[in-house]
Amino acid sequence: MNKCPVSKYCGGCQLQGTAYNEQLKKKQEYIESLLKKFGKVEPIIGMKDPYNYRNKVQVSFGYDEKRQIICGNYVPSSHMIVPVEDCMIADETANRIINSVKKLMIKYKISIFDEHIYKGCMRHLLIRTSNLGEVMLVLVTGSFNIVKKDLFIRDILKYNPEITTIVQNFNNKRTSMVLGDKNTTLYGRGFIYDELCGYKFKISPNSFYQVNKRQTEILYKTAIEKANFKGDEILIDAYCGTGTIGLIASKKVNKVIGVELNKQAIKDAVANMKANNVKNAVFIADDAGRFMERTAKERQKIDALIMDPPRAGADFKFLNSVYKLRPKKIVYVSCGPETLKNNLNDMVKHGYKVDYIQPVDMFPFTEHVETIVCLTCK
């Protein structure tokens, strides 16, 4: 039974109306069709409760035909917004805050950013929630000035006292990206903390952080356990984001070198390292492929690699550097099964053996599936 009234138009949950056990079956079959030639695909790890799991929620603003403010998600491949009041995969606190802010925008007559003429104020809302009880609200605006900003912020906090920080993000560019580069803290400290696998992590507005905390813990614990580290390895954590999996793995290896292109994410990774009193990690702001290429030229010894590339997978430059460095163990965490298959084809040709394949359902009700693959050098 379909619980979401707008699923036909929203496009966010492609598997709405499909029983959860059937969703898992479809994803298992999909991963097996792609990867079974490399070895046994373990049964997919699903969720006990697949609802309201997203700790990062973002919505866009617009007007309906009556010039009334609406907020929700864009119809795929369009600029039409589907109004969403109670998203079934979003954190329930985030749903309440979104509806509250919308009412206050109407009260204070705050304008909506018009993408056709590039004028107006409010463009998006982004909310991040933490299992430590912290909540970040990001107001993404196309102009610096918010009408009656002080009163607006006061009322947001009055009706949503669980919010621990409010940030204004400025984005007036012609882009499909939600966030711009400039953040101004309006309330609180401008970031929140979350706890993952016993470690504390700082999350800023622009930082990458997994959106499903419950499944991320399973994903990371499984990946590190199956890597079977001995304790003496020098480990590169490529595409490391805010350093989550590398820091969690740090107690299992001799040294962690994290590399990530996003400079703010690296700043957060360094802060996370200090907050967790990790002494055997360093974090470098650089393109992963370029860093690996330089490391290979310098003939540095690397024993193990954790790679969590974007959906497009790892490019030739990155993989070619891997083959030169020849780490004995690779843990590949993939969010793109098709590109994972292509990368594995190449890695096997270059002397790597696939030892373990584990799909994890990180995003129930969507077609996406995360996969852990452990490889060793032949």
Protein backbone atom coordinates (compact mmCIF):
# COMPACT_ATOMS: atom_id res chain seq x y z
CA MET A 1 0.00 0.00 0.00
CA ASN A 2 1.28 3.45 -0.95
CA LYS A 3 1.54 5.64 2.16
CA CYS A 4 2.76 8.81 0.41
CA PRO A 5 0.10 10.89 -1.38
CA VAL A 6 2.57 12.66 -3.71
CA SER A 7 4.89 9.80 -4.65
CA LYS A 8 3.62 9.69 -8.24
CA TYR A 9 4.88 13.22 -8.81
CA CYS A 10 7.71 13.72 -6.35
CA GLY A 11 10.14 11.16 -7.72
CA GLY A 12 12.12 10.98 -4.49
CA CYS A 13 10.95 7.45 -3.62
CA GLN A 14 10.84 5.30 -6.73
CA LEU A 15 9.70 2.17 -4.86
CA GLN A 16 6.67 3.62 -3.09
CA GLY A 17 3.83 1.10 -3.02
CA THR A 18 6.25 -1.86 -2.96
CA ALA A 19 6.39 -3.92 0.23
CA TYR A 20 9.75 -3.52 1.95
CA ASN A 21 10.72 -7.19 1.68
CA GLU A 22 10.03 -6.95 -2.06
CA GLN A 23 12.24 -3.85 -2.28
CA LEU A 24 15.10 -5.78 -0.68
CA LYS A 25 14.52 -8.69 -3.06
CA LYS A 26 14.68 -6.38 -6.10
CA LYS A 27 17.90 -4.78 -4.87
CA GLN A 28 19.48 -8.16 -4.13
CA GLU A 29 18.66 -9.39 -7.62
CA TYR A 30 20.00 -6.18 -9.14
CA ILE A 31 23.36 -6.40 -7.36
CA GLU A 32 23.63 -10.12 -8.15
CA SER A 33 22.97 -9.46 -11.83
CA LEU A 34 25.89 -7.03 -11.89
CA LEU A 35 28.41 -8.56 -9.51
CA LYS A 36 27.87 -12.32 -9.16
CA LYS A 37 30.61 -13.02 -11.68
CA PHE A 38 33.08 -11.67 -9.12
CA GLY A 39 31.91 -13.99 -6.35
CA LYS A 40 29.09 -14.65 -3.89
CA VAL A 41 26.84 -11.70 -3.12
CA GLU A 42 25.85 -11.79 0.56
CA PRO A 43 22.17 -11.23 1.48
CA ILE A 44 21.36 -7.52 1.53
CA ILE A 45 21.22 -5.89 4.98
CA GLY A 46 17.90 -4.09 5.33
CA MET A 47 16.36 -1.90 8.04
CA LYS A 48 14.06 -3.02 10.83
CA ASP A 49 12.14 0.24 10.51
CA PRO A 50 12.60 1.79 7.04
CA TYR A 51 10.77 5.06 7.77
CA ASN A 52 11.92 8.60 8.74
CA TYR A 53 15.58 7.65 8.44
CA ARG A 54 16.98 10.72 6.65
CA ASN A 55 18.98 12.98 8.98
CA LYS A 56 19.49 15.47 6.14
CA VAL A 57 16.35 16.94 4.56
CA GLN A 58 16.15 19.70 1.98
CA VAL A 59 13.17 21.35 0.30
CA SER A 60 12.75 24.06 -2.31
CA PHE A 61 10.34 27.02 -2.35
CA GLY A 62 8.04 28.36 -5.03
CA TYR A 63 4.54 29.66 -5.70
CA ASP A 64 1.46 27.77 -6.86
CA GLU A 65 -0.94 29.06 -9.51
CA LYS A 66 -2.63 31.24 -6.86
CA ARG A 67 0.72 32.77 -5.80
CA GLN A 68 0.61 30.90 -2.51
CA ILE A 69 3.93 29.75 -1.04
CA ILE A 70 4.65 26.05 -1.49
CA CYS A 71 7.65 23.99 -0.48
CA GLY A 72 8.70 20.49 -1.42
CA ASN A 73 10.72 18.62 -4.02
CA TYR A 74 11.22 19.25 -7.71
CA VAL A 75 9.53 16.91 -10.16
CA PRO A 76 12.45 15.01 -11.78
CA SER A 77 13.96 16.88 -14.74
CA SER A 78 11.76 19.94 -14.22
CA HIS A 79 11.39 23.18 -12.25
CA MET A 80 7.95 22.24 -10.93
CA ILE A 81 7.73 21.81 -7.16
CA VAL A 82 5.61 19.07 -5.60
CA PRO A 83 4.36 20.32 -2.19
CA VAL A 84 5.41 17.92 0.57
CA GLU A 85 4.17 18.33 4.15
CA ASP A 86 5.08 15.01 5.75
CA CYS A 87 7.84 13.10 3.98
CA MET A 88 7.80 9.50 5.19
CA ILE A 89 11.57 8.99 4.83
CA ALA A 90 12.56 12.35 6.38
CA ASP A 91 13.29 12.82 10.07
CA GLU A 92 10.02 13.70 11.79
CA THR A 93 11.58 16.71 13.52
CA ALA A 94 12.67 18.06 10.13
CA ASN A 95 9.14 17.68 8.77
CA ARG A 96 7.73 19.74 11.65
CA ILE A 97 10.34 22.47 11.30
CA ILE A 98 9.77 22.82 7.55
CA ASN A 99 6.03 23.33 8.01
CA SER A 100 6.64 25.81 10.84
CA VAL A 101 9.14 27.90 8.83
CA LYS A 102 6.76 28.01 5.88
CA LYS A 103 3.98 29.43 8.09
CA LEU A 104 6.35 32.05 9.49
CA MET A 105 7.47 33.04 5.99
CA ILE A 106 3.83 33.74 5.15
CA LYS A 107 3.41 35.68 8.41
CA TYR A 108 6.40 37.94 7.71
CA LYS A 109 5.79 38.17 3.96
CA ILE A 110 9.24 36.82 3.09
CA SER A 111 9.58 36.60 -0.69
CA ILE A 112 10.50 33.51 -2.69
CA PHE A 113 13.56 33.50 -4.93
CA ASP A 114 12.44 33.55 -8.58
CA GLU A 115 14.78 31.46 -10.74
CA HIS A 116 13.60 33.22 -13.92
CA ILE A 117 14.52 36.77 -12.92
CA TYR A 118 16.91 35.85 -10.10
CA LYS A 119 15.27 38.09 -7.53
CA GLY A 120 13.67 37.34 -4.19
CA CYS A 121 14.79 35.85 -0.91
CA MET A 122 14.06 32.30 0.23
CA ARG A 123 15.24 29.53 -2.08
CA HIS A 124 15.67 26.32 -0.06
CA LEU A 125 15.66 24.94 3.47
CA LEU A 126 18.14 22.35 4.65
CA ILE A 127 17.81 20.60 8.00
CA ARG A 128 20.32 18.25 9.61
CA THR A 129 19.42 16.30 12.73
CA SER A 130 21.69 14.44 15.12
CA ASN A 131 21.22 11.44 17.39
CA LEU A 132 22.74 13.66 20.11
CA GLY A 133 19.61 15.81 19.93
CA GLU A 134 21.19 18.66 17.95
CA VAL A 135 19.39 20.27 14.99
CA MET A 136 20.76 22.58 12.30
CA LEU A 137 18.48 24.75 10.16
CA VAL A 138 20.01 26.26 7.02
CA LEU A 139 18.10 29.08 5.28
CA VAL A 140 19.29 29.16 1.67
CA THR A 141 18.57 32.63 0.26
CA GLY A 142 19.11 34.39 -3.05
CA SER A 143 19.60 37.73 -1.30
CA PHE A 144 21.54 38.69 1.81
CA ASN A 145 18.64 40.56 3.40
CA ILE A 146 15.75 38.72 5.05
CA VAL A 147 12.70 40.86 5.85
CA LYS A 148 12.29 41.27 9.64
CA LYS A 149 15.08 38.75 10.10
CA ASP A 150 15.38 39.13 13.89
CA LEU A 151 11.66 38.59 14.44
CA PHE A 152 11.65 35.71 11.96
CA ILE A 153 14.53 33.95 13.73
CA ARG A 154 13.00 34.64 17.15
CA ASP A 155 9.73 32.97 16.13
CA ILE A 156 11.48 30.01 14.48
CA LEU A 157 13.22 29.31 17.80
CA LYS A 158 10.05 29.98 19.79
CA TYR A 159 8.08 27.33 17.91
CA ASN A 160 11.02 24.98 17.35
CA PRO A 161 13.13 25.06 20.53
CA GLU A 162 14.93 21.86 19.51
CA ILE A 163 16.94 23.86 16.93
CA THR A 164 20.49 24.36 18.21
CA THR A 165 21.88 26.42 15.32
CA ILE A 166 20.58 28.48 12.38
CA VAL A 167 22.76 29.32 9.38
CA GLN A 168 22.02 31.54 6.38
CA ASN A 169 23.56 30.24 3.16
CA PHE A 170 23.77 32.65 0.22
CA ASN A 171 23.17 31.17 -3.24
CA ASN A 172 22.08 33.39 -6.13
CA LYS A 173 23.80 31.41 -8.88
CA ARG A 174 22.20 29.72 -11.86
CA THR A 175 22.72 26.23 -10.54
CA SER A 176 20.90 23.10 -9.49
CA MET A 177 23.13 22.95 -6.40
CA VAL A 178 21.20 23.70 -3.22
CA LEU A 179 24.00 25.37 -1.25
CA GLY A 180 26.25 28.26 -2.15
CA ASP A 181 29.72 28.88 -0.72
CA LYS A 182 28.98 31.64 1.81
CA ASN A 183 27.51 30.82 5.25
CA THR A 184 26.55 33.25 8.01
CA THR A 185 25.68 31.92 11.46
CA LEU A 186 22.47 33.53 12.74
CA TYR A 187 22.09 31.49 15.93
CA GLY A 188 24.23 28.98 17.81
CA ARG A 189 27.67 27.78 16.72
CA GLY A 190 27.05 27.14 13.02
CA PHE A 191 27.46 23.35 13.14
CA ILE A 192 26.20 20.30 15.00
CA TYR A 193 27.73 17.09 16.34
CA ASP A 194 26.59 13.54 15.68
CA GLU A 195 27.78 10.24 17.13
CA LEU A 196 28.66 7.33 14.88
CA CYS A 197 30.20 4.01 15.98
CA GLY A 198 31.21 5.60 19.29
CA TYR A 199 32.95 8.56 17.61
CA LYS A 200 31.80 12.18 17.65
CA PHE A 201 31.59 14.05 14.32
CA LYS A 202 31.22 17.74 13.51
CA ILE A 203 28.79 18.50 10.68
CA SER A 204 28.80 21.86 8.89
CA PRO A 205 26.16 22.97 6.35
CA ASN A 206 28.26 22.05 3.29
CA SER A 207 29.89 18.88 4.66
CA PHE A 208 29.16 15.47 3.23
CA TYR A 209 27.78 13.12 5.87
CA GLN A 210 25.81 9.92 5.40
CA VAL A 211 22.06 10.57 5.69
CA ASN A 212 21.06 7.28 7.33
CA LYS A 213 22.84 6.95 10.67
CA ARG A 214 21.48 3.51 11.57
CA GLN A 215 22.58 1.87 8.34
CA THR A 216 25.84 3.82 8.15
CA GLU A 217 26.96 2.22 11.41
CA ILE A 218 26.25 -1.21 9.93
CA LEU A 219 27.98 -0.25 6.66
CA TYR A 220 31.16 1.01 8.32
CA LYS A 221 31.40 -1.73 10.95
CA THR A 222 30.95 -4.40 8.28
CA ALA A 223 33.51 -2.80 5.93
CA ILE A 224 36.16 -2.49 8.65
CA GLU A 225 35.48 -5.97 10.07
CA LYS A 226 35.72 -7.66 6.66
CA ALA A 227 38.92 -5.78 5.82
CA ASN A 228 40.56 -7.83 8.56
CA PHE A 229 43.27 -5.28 9.33
CA LYS A 230 46.30 -6.60 11.25
CA GLY A 231 47.20 -3.34 13.01
CA ASP A 232 50.39 -2.39 11.20
CA GLU A 233 48.88 -1.02 7.98
CA ILE A 234 49.29 2.44 6.48
CA LEU A 235 45.76 3.13 5.23
CA ILE A 236 44.60 5.72 2.69
CA ASP A 237 40.98 6.83 3.10
CA ALA A 238 40.19 8.25 -0.35
CA TYR A 239 37.20 10.56 -0.84
CA CYS A 240 37.18 10.74 2.97
CA GLY A 241 34.59 13.50 3.50
CA THR A 242 34.60 14.54 7.16
CA GLY A 243 36.83 11.57 8.01
CA THR A 244 34.13 9.25 9.34
CA ILE A 245 35.18 5.80 8.16
CA GLY A 246 38.91 6.57 8.36
CA LEU A 247 38.70 7.72 11.97
CA ILE A 248 36.59 4.70 12.92
CA ALA A 249 39.18 2.46 11.25
CA SER A 250 42.10 4.28 12.91
CA LYS A 251 42.16 2.00 15.96
CA LYS A 252 42.61 -1.02 13.66
CA VAL A 253 45.64 0.27 11.69
CA ASN A 254 48.99 1.99 12.22
CA LYS A 255 48.20 5.22 10.30
CA VAL A 256 45.33 6.77 8.34
CA ILE A 257 45.82 9.27 5.52
CA GLY A 258 42.52 10.88 4.52
CA VAL A 259 42.18 12.79 1.25
CA GLU A 260 39.19 14.82 0.09
CA LEU A 261 38.70 17.69 -2.40
CA ASN A 262 36.17 19.62 -0.27
CA LYS A 263 38.22 21.95 1.95
CA GLN A 264 35.44 22.48 4.49
CA ALA A 265 35.05 18.73 4.86
CA ILE A 266 38.79 18.45 5.56
CA LYS A 267 38.54 21.18 8.20
CA ASP A 268 35.76 19.18 9.83
CA ALA A 269 37.82 15.97 9.53
CA VAL A 270 40.72 17.61 11.39
CA ALA A 271 38.31 18.89 14.06
CA ASN A 272 36.80 15.40 14.32
CA MET A 273 40.25 13.86 14.72
CA LYS A 274 41.03 16.22 17.60
CA ALA A 275 37.60 15.81 19.20
CA ASN A 276 38.06 12.03 19.25
CA ASN A 277 41.68 12.21 20.40
CA VAL A 278 42.92 10.26 17.37
CA LYS A 279 46.69 10.57 17.07
CA ASN A 280 47.47 8.41 14.05
CA ALA A 281 45.57 10.23 11.28
CA VAL A 282 46.31 13.09 8.87
CA PHE A 283 43.86 14.75 6.45
CA ILE A 284 44.77 16.38 3.15
CA ALA A 285 42.64 18.66 0.95
CA ASP A 286 43.32 17.44 -2.58
CA ASP A 287 41.79 15.63 -5.52
CA ALA A 288 41.95 11.92 -4.66
CA GLY A 289 43.29 10.92 -8.08
CA ARG A 290 45.94 13.63 -8.08
CA PHE A 291 47.01 12.75 -4.55
CA MET A 292 47.25 9.05 -5.37
CA GLU A 293 49.24 9.82 -8.50
CA ARG A 294 51.72 11.91 -6.52
CA THR A 295 51.96 9.25 -3.82
CA ALA A 296 52.72 6.63 -6.47
CA LYS A 297 55.46 8.80 -8.03
CA GLU A 298 57.05 9.23 -4.61
CA ARG A 299 56.91 5.43 -4.18
CA GLN A 300 55.37 5.70 -0.75
CA LYS A 301 54.37 2.41 0.88
CA ILE A 302 50.62 2.01 1.22
CA ASP A 303 49.25 -1.23 2.67
CA ALA A 304 45.50 -0.66 2.47
CA LEU A 305 42.97 1.58 0.78
CA ILE A 306 39.39 2.52 1.62
CA MET A 307 37.68 4.17 -1.31
CA ASP A 308 34.21 5.69 -1.27
CA PRO A 309 33.99 7.52 -4.61
CA PRO A 310 31.04 9.53 -5.94
CA ARG A 311 28.35 7.81 -8.00
CA ALA A 312 30.47 8.12 -11.16
CA GLY A 313 33.03 5.79 -9.59
CA ALA A 314 36.83 6.04 -9.63
CA ASP A 315 38.44 7.45 -12.77
CA PHE A 316 41.39 6.08 -14.75
CA LYS A 317 43.93 8.38 -13.08
CA PHE A 318 42.90 7.19 -9.63
CA LEU A 319 42.83 3.49 -10.52
CA ASN A 320 46.12 3.68 -12.41
CA SER A 321 47.72 5.12 -9.27
CA VAL A 322 46.20 2.30 -7.19
CA TYR A 323 47.87 -0.25 -9.44
CA LYS A 324 51.22 1.49 -9.02
CA LEU A 325 50.88 1.73 -5.23
CA ARG A 326 49.64 -1.87 -5.06
CA PRO A 327 47.92 -1.83 -1.64
CA LYS A 328 47.38 -5.40 -0.43
CA LYS A 329 43.82 -4.68 0.73
CA ILE A 330 41.12 -2.49 -0.78
CA VAL A 331 37.72 -1.77 0.73
CA TYR A 332 35.47 -0.27 -1.94
CA VAL A 333 32.29 1.36 -0.62
CA SER A 334 30.06 2.10 -3.59
CA CYS A 335 26.87 4.08 -4.09
CA GLY A 336 26.86 3.39 -7.85
CA PRO A 337 26.50 -0.32 -8.72
CA GLU A 338 27.00 0.12 -12.47
CA THR A 339 30.26 2.05 -12.08
CA LEU A 340 31.32 -0.36 -9.33
CA LYS A 341 31.00 -3.20 -11.83
CA ASN A 342 33.13 -1.31 -14.37
CA ASN A 343 35.79 -0.48 -11.78
CA LEU A 344 35.90 -4.09 -10.54
CA ASN A 345 36.35 -5.38 -14.10
CA ASP A 346 39.43 -3.19 -14.40
CA MET A 347 40.77 -3.99 -10.94
CA VAL A 348 40.49 -7.74 -11.52
CA LYS A 349 42.38 -7.37 -14.81
CA HIS A 350 45.15 -5.66 -12.85
CA GLY A 351 45.61 -8.50 -10.40
CA TYR A 352 43.04 -7.91 -7.65
CA LYS A 353 40.73 -10.62 -6.33
CA VAL A 354 37.25 -9.94 -4.97
CA ASP A 355 36.86 -11.61 -1.56
CA TYR A 356 33.58 -10.24 -0.25
CA ILE A 357 30.47 -8.48 -1.60
CA GLN A 358 27.87 -7.06 0.78
CA PRO A 359 24.91 -4.89 -0.33
CA VAL A 360 23.40 -2.59 2.32
CA ASP A 361 20.05 -0.84 1.98
CA MET A 362 20.92 2.73 2.94
CA PHE A 363 17.92 4.32 1.21
CA PRO A 364 14.66 2.39 1.64
CA PHE A 365 11.87 3.20 -0.83
CA THR A 366 14.42 4.39 -3.40
CA GLU A 367 16.26 2.44 -6.09
CA HIS A 368 19.65 3.26 -4.58
CA VAL A 369 21.76 0.59 -2.90
CA GLU A 370 25.18 0.78 -1.24
CA THR A 371 27.68 -2.05 -1.69
CA ILE A 372 30.83 -3.04 0.18
CA VAL A 373 33.47 -4.94 -1.80
CA CYS A 374 36.69 -6.21 -0.22
CA LEU A 375 39.60 -6.98 -2.55
CA THR A 376 43.09 -8.36 -2.07
CA CYS A 377 46.11 -8.25 -4.33
CA LYS A 378 46.85 -11.61 -5.91
